[in-house]
C-alpha atoms as a PDB file:
ATOM      1  CA  MET A   1       0.000   0.000   0.000  1.00  0.00           C
ATOM      2  CA  PRO A   2       1.501   3.337  -1.003  1.00  0.00           C
ATOM      3  CA  TRP A   3       1.797   6.271   1.390  1.00  0.00           C
ATOM      4  CA  PHE A   4       1.692   9.773  -0.061  1.00  0.00           C
ATOM      5  CA  LYS A   5       3.134  12.981   1.371  1.00  0.00           C
ATOM      6  CA  VAL A   6       0.350  15.525   1.780  1.00  0.00           C
ATOM      7  CA  GLU A   7       2.376  18.148  -0.068  1.00  0.00           C
ATOM      8  CA  ASP A   8       2.771  15.825  -3.089  1.00  0.00           C
ATOM      9  CA  ALA A   9      -0.775  14.490  -3.539  1.00  0.00           C
ATOM     10  CA  ALA A  10      -4.244  14.664  -2.044  1.00  0.00           C
ATOM     11  CA  PRO A  11      -7.097  12.167  -1.983  1.00  0.00           C
ATOM     12  CA  ALA A  12     -10.460  12.999  -3.493  1.00  0.00           C
ATOM     13  CA  ASP A  13     -12.395  15.454  -1.341  1.00  0.00           C
ATOM     14  CA  GLY A  14     -14.228  13.488   1.360  1.00  0.00           C
ATOM     15  CA  GLU A  15     -12.652  10.093   0.518  1.00  0.00           C
ATOM     16  CA  ARG A  16     -11.971   7.928   3.586  1.00  0.00           C
ATOM     17  CA  VAL A  17      -8.221   7.218   3.842  1.00  0.00           C
ATOM     18  CA  LEU A  18      -5.598   6.325   6.416  1.00  0.00           C
ATOM     19  CA  ILE A  19      -3.833   9.400   7.734  1.00  0.00           C
ATOM     20  CA  HIS A  20      -0.581   9.717   9.662  1.00  0.00           C
ATOM     21  CA  ASP A  21      -0.672  12.458  12.265  1.00  0.00           C
ATOM     22  CA  GLY A  22       2.948  13.518  12.682  1.00  0.00           C
ATOM     23  CA  ARG A  23       2.243  15.465  15.871  1.00  0.00           C
ATOM     24  CA  GLU A  24       0.749  12.525  17.765  1.00  0.00           C
ATOM     25  CA  ASN A  25       2.551   9.839  15.712  1.00  0.00           C
ATOM     26  CA  ARG A  26      -0.672   7.916  15.105  1.00  0.00           C
ATOM     27  CA  VAL A  27      -2.461   6.363  12.149  1.00  0.00           C
ATOM     28  CA  GLU A  28      -6.235   6.720  11.897  1.00  0.00           C
ATOM     29  CA  VAL A  29      -9.051   6.679   9.387  1.00  0.00           C
ATOM     30  CA  GLY A  30      -9.812  10.171   8.251  1.00  0.00           C
ATOM     31  CA  ARG A  31     -10.699  12.347   5.311  1.00  0.00           C
ATOM     32  CA  ARG A  32      -9.690  15.622   3.724  1.00  0.00           C
ATOM     33  CA  VAL A  33     -12.558  18.041   3.221  1.00  0.00           C
ATOM     34  CA  GLY A  34     -12.109  21.547   1.864  1.00  0.00           C
ATOM     35  CA  GLY A  35      -8.337  21.364   2.300  1.00  0.00           C
ATOM     36  CA  ARG A  36      -8.553  20.404   5.994  1.00  0.00           C
ATOM     37  CA  TRP A  37      -7.970  16.983   7.575  1.00  0.00           C
ATOM     38  CA  PHE A  38     -10.450  15.259   9.876  1.00  0.00           C
ATOM     39  CA  VAL A  39     -10.471  12.005  11.863  1.00  0.00           C
ATOM     40  CA  GLU A  40     -13.652  10.001  12.116  1.00  0.00           C
ATOM     41  CA  ASN A  41     -15.083   8.909  15.471  1.00  0.00           C
ATOM     42  CA  THR A  42     -15.959   5.240  14.954  1.00  0.00           C
ATOM     43  CA  ALA A  43     -18.669   5.329  17.628  1.00  0.00           C
ATOM     44  CA  ASP A  44     -20.810   8.109  16.202  1.00  0.00           C
ATOM     45  CA  GLY A  45     -19.265   9.054  12.845  1.00  0.00           C
ATOM     46  CA  ARG A  46     -18.477  12.626  13.861  1.00  0.00           C
ATOM     47  CA  LEU A  47     -15.504  14.314  12.279  1.00  0.00           C
ATOM     48  CA  THR A  48     -12.891  16.148  14.344  1.00  0.00           C
ATOM     49  CA  GLU A  49     -10.326  18.390  12.686  1.00  0.00           C
ATOM     50  CA  VAL A  50      -6.736  17.277  13.121  1.00  0.00           C
ATOM     51  CA  GLU A  51      -3.541  19.177  12.371  1.00  0.00           C
ATOM     52  CA  GLY A  52      -0.113  17.804  11.632  1.00  0.00           C
ATOM     53  CA  VAL A  53      -1.087  15.225   8.999  1.00  0.00           C
ATOM     54  CA  THR A  54       2.061  14.376   7.052  1.00  0.00           C
ATOM     55  CA  HIS A  55       1.044  11.339   4.978  1.00  0.00           C
ATOM     56  CA  TRP A  56      -2.053   9.536   3.751  1.00  0.00           C
ATOM     57  CA  ALA A  57      -2.793   6.155   2.153  1.00  0.00           C
ATOM     58  CA  PRO A  58      -5.866   4.728   0.446  1.00  0.00           C
ATOM     59  CA  LEU A  59      -7.915   2.182   2.354  1.00  0.00           C
ATOM     60  CA  LEU A  60      -7.566  -1.256   0.831  1.00  0.00           C
ATOM     61  CA  ASP A  61     -11.330  -1.522   0.373  1.00  0.00           C
ATOM     62  CA  SER A  62     -11.524   1.918  -1.227  1.00  0.00           C
ATOM     63  CA  GLU A  63     -13.171   2.118  -4.644  1.00  0.00           C
ATOM     64  CA  GLU A  64     -10.611   4.810  -5.465  1.00  0.00           C
ATOM     65  CA  TYR A  65      -7.615   2.487  -4.875  1.00  0.00           C
ATOM     66  CA  ASP A  66      -6.372   0.274  -7.697  1.00  0.00           C
ATOM     67  CA  PRO A  67      -3.228  -1.744  -6.820  1.00  0.00           C
ATOM     68  CA  ALA A  68      -2.372  -1.821 -10.526  1.00  0.00           C
ATOM     69  CA  ASP A  69      -1.593   1.883 -10.232  1.00  0.00           C
ATOM     70  CA  ASP A  70       1.275   1.231  -7.783  1.00  0.00           C
END
């Protein structure tokens, strides 16, 4: 699975992806909406803005991800 630097590429607006938060050194499911990054609360689906995202990767079950593109 490829990881992309946020300054090199961005996922489709609103697409669920894995994000690496460089400040907290954690990996979570999130999305980029309107140029800002959000993590998704798995309990209630709410989005919380997060800063410090350095990398993102497509989810393996994502319709947007095609391993042939790697």
